Protein backbone atom coordinates (compact mmCIF):
# COMPACT_ATOMS: atom_id res chain seq x y z
CA UNK A 1 27.26 -30.88 -6.54
CA UNK A 2 26.64 -29.09 -3.22
CA UNK A 3 23.37 -29.55 -1.40
CA UNK A 4 21.26 -26.67 -0.09
CA UNK A 5 23.13 -26.12 3.17
CA UNK A 6 26.60 -26.14 1.62
CA UNK A 7 25.56 -24.03 -1.37
CA UNK A 8 23.93 -21.36 0.78
CA UNK A 9 26.76 -21.34 3.33
CA UNK A 10 29.28 -20.71 0.54
CA UNK A 11 27.12 -18.03 -1.05
CA UNK A 12 26.66 -16.25 2.28
CA UNK A 13 30.40 -16.32 2.92
CA UNK A 14 31.13 -14.81 -0.50
CA UNK A 15 28.48 -12.14 0.00
CA UNK A 16 29.31 -11.15 3.58
CA UNK A 17 33.06 -11.77 3.50
CA UNK A 18 32.78 -13.67 6.79
CA UNK A 19 32.57 -17.33 7.68
CA UNK A 20 28.99 -18.63 7.85
CA UNK A 21 29.09 -22.21 9.17
CA UNK A 22 26.68 -24.69 7.68
CA UNK A 23 25.33 -25.54 11.12
CA UNK A 24 24.20 -21.92 11.54
CA UNK A 25 21.63 -22.37 8.78
CA UNK A 26 18.09 -23.19 9.85
CA UNK A 27 15.50 -24.53 7.43
CA UNK A 28 12.38 -22.35 7.62
CA UNK A 29 10.48 -23.61 4.59
CA UNK A 30 10.63 -26.48 2.15
CA UNK A 31 8.24 -28.13 -0.25
CA UNK A 32 7.64 -30.65 -2.98
CA UNK A 33 8.83 -28.12 -5.55
CA UNK A 34 12.49 -28.73 -4.70
CA UNK A 35 12.99 -25.33 -3.03
CA UNK A 36 14.56 -24.87 0.40
CA UNK A 37 14.57 -21.56 2.28
CA UNK A 38 17.06 -21.01 5.10
CA UNK A 39 17.99 -18.34 7.63
CA UNK A 40 21.38 -18.14 9.36
CA UNK A 41 21.84 -17.43 13.05
CA UNK A 42 25.14 -15.64 12.36
CA UNK A 43 25.02 -11.87 13.03
CA UNK A 44 26.76 -11.08 9.74
CA UNK A 45 23.92 -12.81 7.85
CA UNK A 46 21.17 -10.86 9.58
CA UNK A 47 18.57 -9.56 7.15
CA UNK A 48 19.28 -12.28 4.58
CA UNK A 49 17.43 -15.39 3.51
CA UNK A 50 18.94 -18.12 1.40
CA UNK A 51 16.90 -19.91 -1.26
CA UNK A 52 18.11 -23.09 -2.91
CA UNK A 53 16.26 -24.76 -5.77
CA UNK A 54 16.51 -27.91 -7.83
CA UNK A 55 15.20 -28.65 -11.30
CA UNK A 56 12.23 -30.59 -9.90
CA UNK A 57 9.91 -27.93 -11.29
CA UNK A 58 10.35 -25.83 -14.40
CA UNK A 59 9.38 -22.60 -12.65
CA UNK A 60 12.04 -22.78 -9.89
CA UNK A 61 14.65 -20.99 -11.96
CA UNK A 62 12.16 -18.24 -12.80
CA UNK A 63 12.24 -16.74 -9.30
CA UNK A 64 15.33 -14.55 -9.74
CA UNK A 65 14.43 -12.96 -13.10
CA UNK A 66 10.85 -12.42 -11.91
CA UNK A 67 12.06 -10.80 -8.68
CA UNK A 68 14.38 -8.45 -10.54
CA UNK A 69 11.76 -7.58 -13.13
CA UNK A 70 9.02 -6.92 -10.58
CA UNK A 71 11.32 -4.82 -8.39
CA UNK A 72 12.35 -2.73 -11.41
CA UNK A 73 8.64 -2.16 -12.14
CA UNK A 74 8.05 -0.93 -8.58
CA UNK A 75 6.25 -4.00 -7.23
CA UNK A 76 7.00 -4.89 -3.61
CA UNK A 77 9.11 -8.07 -3.72
CA UNK A 78 12.24 -9.09 -1.78
CA UNK A 79 15.47 -7.80 -3.29
CA UNK A 80 17.89 -10.28 -4.85
CA UNK A 81 21.27 -9.70 -3.19
CA UNK A 82 23.38 -12.50 -4.65
CA UNK A 83 22.94 -15.63 -6.74
CA UNK A 84 24.85 -18.61 -8.02
CA UNK A 85 24.16 -21.03 -10.86
CA UNK A 86 24.79 -24.62 -9.74
CA UNK A 87 24.21 -26.10 -13.16
CA UNK A 88 21.57 -28.43 -14.57
CA UNK A 89 18.73 -26.06 -13.63
CA UNK A 90 19.80 -25.83 -9.99
CA UNK A 91 20.78 -22.65 -8.17
CA UNK A 92 20.81 -20.57 -5.02
CA UNK A 93 20.30 -16.94 -4.13
CA UNK A 94 20.24 -14.56 -1.21
CA UNK A 95 17.23 -12.33 -0.76
CA UNK A 96 16.05 -9.63 1.58
CA UNK A 97 14.56 -11.15 4.74
CA UNK A 98 11.02 -9.86 5.17
CA UNK A 99 10.50 -11.49 8.54
CA UNK A 100 7.83 -14.01 9.42
CA UNK A 101 4.56 -12.01 9.39
CA UNK A 102 2.33 -13.00 6.51
CA UNK A 103 -1.38 -12.45 5.95
CA UNK A 104 -2.17 -15.82 7.49
CA UNK A 105 -0.60 -14.65 10.75
CA UNK A 106 -3.54 -12.22 11.05
CA UNK A 107 -6.09 -15.01 11.32
CA UNK A 108 -8.24 -14.25 14.35
CA UNK A 109 -7.20 -10.57 14.44
CA UNK A 110 -9.85 -7.80 14.43
CA UNK A 111 -11.48 -7.39 11.02
CA UNK A 112 -10.36 -3.76 10.78
CA UNK A 113 -6.72 -4.88 10.99
CA UNK A 114 -7.22 -7.69 8.48
CA UNK A 115 -9.05 -5.39 6.05
CA UNK A 116 -6.22 -2.85 6.17
CA UNK A 117 -3.58 -5.50 5.44
CA UNK A 118 -5.63 -7.01 2.63
CA UNK A 119 -6.13 -3.59 1.10
CA UNK A 120 -2.35 -3.27 0.89
CA UNK A 121 -2.09 -6.76 -0.58
CA UNK A 122 -4.63 -5.88 -3.26
CA UNK A 123 -2.73 -2.70 -4.08
CA UNK A 124 0.44 -4.73 -4.55
CA UNK A 125 -1.12 -7.34 -6.82
CA UNK A 126 -2.86 -4.68 -8.91
CA UNK A 127 0.60 -3.23 -9.52
CA UNK A 128 1.79 -6.69 -10.62
CA UNK A 129 -1.17 -7.02 -12.99
CA UNK A 130 -0.11 -3.78 -14.70
CA UNK A 131 3.51 -4.78 -15.26
CA UNK A 132 4.79 -5.25 -18.82
CA UNK A 133 7.28 -8.10 -18.30
CA UNK A 134 10.55 -8.03 -20.23
CA UNK A 135 11.53 -11.45 -18.89
CA UNK A 136 10.18 -14.90 -19.75
CA UNK A 137 7.11 -15.98 -17.82
CA UNK A 138 5.78 -19.49 -17.34
CA UNK A 139 3.37 -20.75 -20.04
CA UNK A 140 0.18 -18.70 -20.13
CA UNK A 141 -3.20 -19.90 -18.98
CA UNK A 142 -4.74 -21.48 -22.05
CA UNK A 143 -7.58 -23.95 -22.43
CA UNK A 144 -5.26 -26.90 -21.80
CA UNK A 145 -4.04 -25.42 -18.51
CA UNK A 146 -7.57 -24.74 -17.25
CA UNK A 147 -8.48 -28.29 -18.20
CA UNK A 148 -5.40 -29.61 -16.40
CA UNK A 149 -6.53 -27.87 -13.21
CA UNK A 150 -9.98 -29.39 -13.61
CA UNK A 151 -8.49 -32.85 -14.13
CA UNK A 152 -6.27 -32.35 -11.07
CA UNK A 153 -9.39 -31.66 -9.02
CA UNK A 154 -11.21 -34.58 -10.62
CA UNK A 155 -8.42 -37.07 -9.92
CA UNK A 156 -7.44 -36.11 -6.41
CA UNK A 157 -10.57 -34.58 -4.87
CA UNK A 158 -13.49 -36.13 -6.73
CA UNK A 159 -11.88 -39.53 -7.23
CA UNK A 160 -9.53 -40.03 -4.28
CA UNK A 161 -11.29 -38.00 -1.58
CA UNK A 162 -14.96 -38.27 -2.51
CA UNK A 163 -14.74 -41.73 -4.08
CA UNK A 164 -16.70 -40.71 -7.16
CA UNK A 165 -15.93 -41.06 -10.86
CA UNK A 166 -13.23 -38.59 -11.84
CA UNK A 167 -13.74 -39.38 -15.53
CA UNK A 168 -17.47 -38.72 -15.37
CA UNK A 169 -16.94 -35.43 -13.58
CA UNK A 170 -14.33 -34.21 -16.05
CA UNK A 171 -16.35 -35.27 -19.10
CA UNK A 172 -19.13 -32.77 -18.41
CA UNK A 173 -19.14 -30.39 -21.40
CA UNK A 174 -19.77 -27.34 -19.21
CA UNK A 175 -16.27 -27.63 -17.74
CA UNK A 176 -14.65 -27.61 -21.17
CA UNK A 177 -16.86 -24.69 -22.23
CA UNK A 178 -15.77 -22.69 -19.18
CA UNK A 179 -12.10 -23.48 -19.82
CA UNK A 180 -12.41 -22.38 -23.45
CA UNK A 181 -14.23 -19.19 -22.43
CA UNK A 182 -11.64 -18.19 -19.83
CA UNK A 183 -8.80 -18.95 -22.24
CA UNK A 184 -10.36 -16.69 -24.88
CA UNK A 185 -10.32 -13.60 -22.64
CA UNK A 186 -7.51 -10.99 -22.53
CA UNK A 187 -4.67 -11.81 -20.16
CA UNK A 188 -2.36 -9.91 -17.84
CA UNK A 189 0.62 -11.10 -15.76
CA UNK A 190 -0.66 -12.85 -12.64
CA UNK A 191 1.00 -14.26 -9.52
CA UNK A 192 -0.69 -17.68 -9.92
CA UNK A 193 -0.66 -18.54 -6.19
CA UNK A 194 -1.79 -15.31 -4.55
CA UNK A 195 -2.90 -16.60 -1.16
CA UNK A 196 -2.35 -15.58 2.45
CA UNK A 197 0.98 -17.39 2.94
CA UNK A 198 2.51 -15.70 -0.09
CA UNK A 199 2.00 -12.10 1.07
CA UNK A 200 4.42 -10.82 3.71
CA UNK A 201 3.74 -7.81 5.93
CA UNK A 202 6.90 -5.75 6.32
CA UNK A 203 7.57 -2.08 7.03
CA UNK A 204 3.86 -1.30 6.80
CA UNK A 205 3.47 -2.71 3.29
CA UNK A 206 2.45 -5.96 1.60
CA UNK A 207 5.21 -7.83 -0.22
CA UNK A 208 4.82 -10.74 -2.64
CA UNK A 209 6.80 -13.97 -2.40
CA UNK A 210 6.71 -17.32 -4.26
CA UNK A 211 5.93 -15.63 -7.56
CA UNK A 212 8.14 -17.90 -9.68
CA UNK A 213 4.98 -19.35 -11.25
CA UNK A 214 4.00 -15.99 -12.78
CA UNK A 215 2.27 -16.28 -16.12
CA UNK A 216 -0.37 -14.49 -18.15
CA UNK A 217 -3.95 -15.15 -17.10
CA UNK A 218 -7.02 -13.47 -15.73
CA UNK A 219 -6.56 -10.98 -12.84
CA UNK A 220 -9.73 -12.37 -11.27
CA UNK A 221 -7.89 -15.67 -10.72
CA UNK A 222 -5.47 -13.92 -8.36
CA UNK A 223 -8.24 -11.99 -6.62
CA UNK A 224 -10.25 -15.17 -6.08
CA UNK A 225 -7.13 -16.91 -4.75
CA UNK A 226 -6.84 -14.28 -2.03
CA UNK A 227 -10.46 -13.59 -1.14
CA UNK A 228 -11.69 -17.20 -1.14
CA UNK A 229 -8.52 -18.60 0.40
CA UNK A 230 -9.46 -21.63 2.57
CA UNK A 231 -6.54 -20.87 4.89
CA UNK A 232 -8.20 -17.64 6.09
CA UNK A 233 -11.83 -18.73 5.63
CA UNK A 234 -13.56 -15.36 5.37
CA UNK A 235 -17.33 -15.31 5.61
CA UNK A 236 -19.38 -14.15 2.62
CA UNK A 237 -19.81 -10.62 3.96
CA UNK A 238 -16.06 -10.20 4.46
CA UNK A 239 -15.31 -11.62 1.01
CA UNK A 240 -17.82 -9.25 -0.58
CA UNK A 241 -16.27 -6.32 1.27
CA UNK A 242 -12.82 -7.21 -0.03
CA UNK A 243 -14.23 -7.47 -3.55
CA UNK A 244 -15.63 -3.96 -3.18
CA UNK A 245 -12.25 -2.70 -2.00
CA UNK A 246 -10.60 -4.32 -5.01
CA UNK A 247 -13.10 -2.65 -7.35
CA UNK A 248 -12.37 0.75 -5.80
CA UNK A 249 -8.60 0.29 -5.99
CA UNK A 250 -8.70 -1.06 -9.53
CA UNK A 251 -11.10 1.57 -10.83
CA UNK A 252 -13.75 -0.94 -11.92
CA UNK A 253 -15.50 -4.01 -10.56
CA UNK A 254 -14.71 -7.42 -12.05
CA UNK A 255 -17.37 -8.83 -14.34
CA UNK A 256 -19.50 -11.10 -12.16
CA UNK A 257 -19.52 -14.14 -14.44
CA UNK A 258 -15.75 -14.03 -15.00
CA UNK A 259 -15.16 -13.62 -11.28
CA UNK A 260 -17.39 -16.61 -10.54
CA UNK A 261 -15.69 -18.77 -13.13
CA UNK A 262 -12.20 -17.86 -11.92
CA UNK A 263 -13.18 -18.42 -8.29
CA UNK A 264 -14.60 -21.88 -8.97
CA UNK A 265 -11.59 -22.74 -11.13
CA UNK A 266 -9.11 -21.62 -8.47
CA UNK A 267 -10.88 -23.49 -5.67
CA UNK A 268 -10.91 -26.65 -7.77
CA UNK A 269 -7.15 -26.30 -8.24
CA UNK A 270 -6.58 -25.66 -4.53
CA UNK A 271 -8.75 -28.60 -3.46
CA UNK A 272 -6.94 -30.88 -5.88
CA UNK A 273 -3.66 -29.78 -4.30
CA UNK A 274 -4.93 -30.32 -0.75
CA UNK A 275 -6.00 -33.87 -1.57
CA UNK A 276 -2.86 -34.68 -3.54
CA UNK A 277 -0.46 -33.38 -0.88
CA UNK A 278 -2.52 -34.79 1.95
CA UNK A 279 -2.84 -38.32 0.61
CA UNK A 280 0.21 -38.79 -1.59
CA UNK A 281 2.73 -36.82 0.47
CA UNK A 282 1.19 -37.89 3.81
CA UNK A 283 0.86 -34.28 4.98
CA UNK A 284 -2.41 -34.68 6.85
CA UNK A 285 -2.72 -30.99 7.70
CA UNK A 286 -3.79 -30.32 4.11
CA UNK A 287 -6.65 -32.78 4.41
CA UNK A 288 -8.05 -30.63 7.21
CA UNK A 289 -8.47 -27.78 4.71
CA UNK A 290 -10.70 -29.78 2.37
CA UNK A 291 -14.01 -29.26 4.25
CA UNK A 292 -13.48 -25.50 4.25
CA UNK A 293 -12.56 -25.47 0.57
CA UNK A 294 -15.57 -27.57 -0.37
CA UNK A 295 -17.89 -25.34 1.64
CA UNK A 296 -16.54 -22.28 -0.13
CA UNK A 297 -16.88 -23.94 -3.52
CA UNK A 298 -20.52 -24.83 -2.76
CA UNK A 299 -21.24 -21.27 -1.62
CA UNK A 300 -19.73 -19.81 -4.78
CA UNK A 301 -21.57 -22.24 -7.03
CA UNK A 302 -24.86 -21.53 -5.26
CA UNK A 303 -24.42 -17.78 -5.82
CA UNK A 304 -23.89 -17.97 -9.59
CA UNK A 305 -26.87 -16.10 -11.07
CA UNK A 306 -29.30 -17.73 -13.45
CA UNK A 307 -28.30 -17.15 -17.04
CA UNK A 308 -24.59 -16.87 -16.24
CA UNK A 309 -22.25 -18.57 -18.73
CA UNK A 310 -20.88 -20.68 -15.87
CA UNK A 311 -24.28 -21.66 -14.44
CA UNK A 312 -24.01 -25.21 -15.82
CA UNK A 313 -20.60 -25.66 -14.17
CA UNK A 314 -22.00 -24.39 -10.89
CA UNK A 315 -24.92 -26.83 -11.04
CA UNK A 316 -22.64 -29.73 -11.94
CA UNK A 317 -20.36 -28.95 -9.00
CA UNK A 318 -23.33 -28.79 -6.63
CA UNK A 319 -24.47 -32.20 -7.90
CA UNK A 320 -21.04 -33.77 -7.36
CA UNK A 321 -19.66 -32.20 -4.18
């Protein structure tokens, strides 16, 4: 079975009708998910990106149907230009090349420029939240999935990074109560990893990438992923301003207690990932994000109002981290 370079070279040749040597392909992104993204230096392949995936993760094969479904619904995503099934859950496709400018590339830019780009990103994800998918999504956020995220945080951040008892942290009943509460609420399609590296800036608009993990869940989970993203590290005033922009664009403000719960849940998931990738995959850069993520989690927990359904979770987090 061909590897990523051979598979994408052959697909590019079939699509363009011209020879695209394997050595013209440059790897621009790869990850633990078994996906490789490549760009060719050949002129005939200009404007194209190649994506190759394995069956290492169940959601890899969901990228193409999600891209086609979202594009048909008017959501800004890269166009699928060609694809090939390599068997056994593996495949490759060619997509529209959106360049290299993502939201993270704006870090350090004037706030007015960042705010404008984030407004466009929020408009795009609101459109995604309103889609009625006619393709199969990944399993929806239910109580078990929220609990899995909490256990991921407990194992890798609380246990491995902080050196505390992961089992004791996870056993707190407030965490299970919050998971059950979030799972009981109405769901919409969500991106699942809506952070600054997964929003491209192209032709004056915000485009979504890496949406293969789409599933039904709470829209606030996506909004928290973007606004409290440790990569960008907005201050509280900037985060609040973006929340106000979201409320204006969406036509209503998110319910404060649901927003708080989703934000804490998302940051726990992200911190678990930083610790797991940093320690187990030896990618030290991710460990550098942990202090920022913990600071944001403390700030969010400290701002949960008295009487909120997630107040006990907030207090437990403040005790542990």
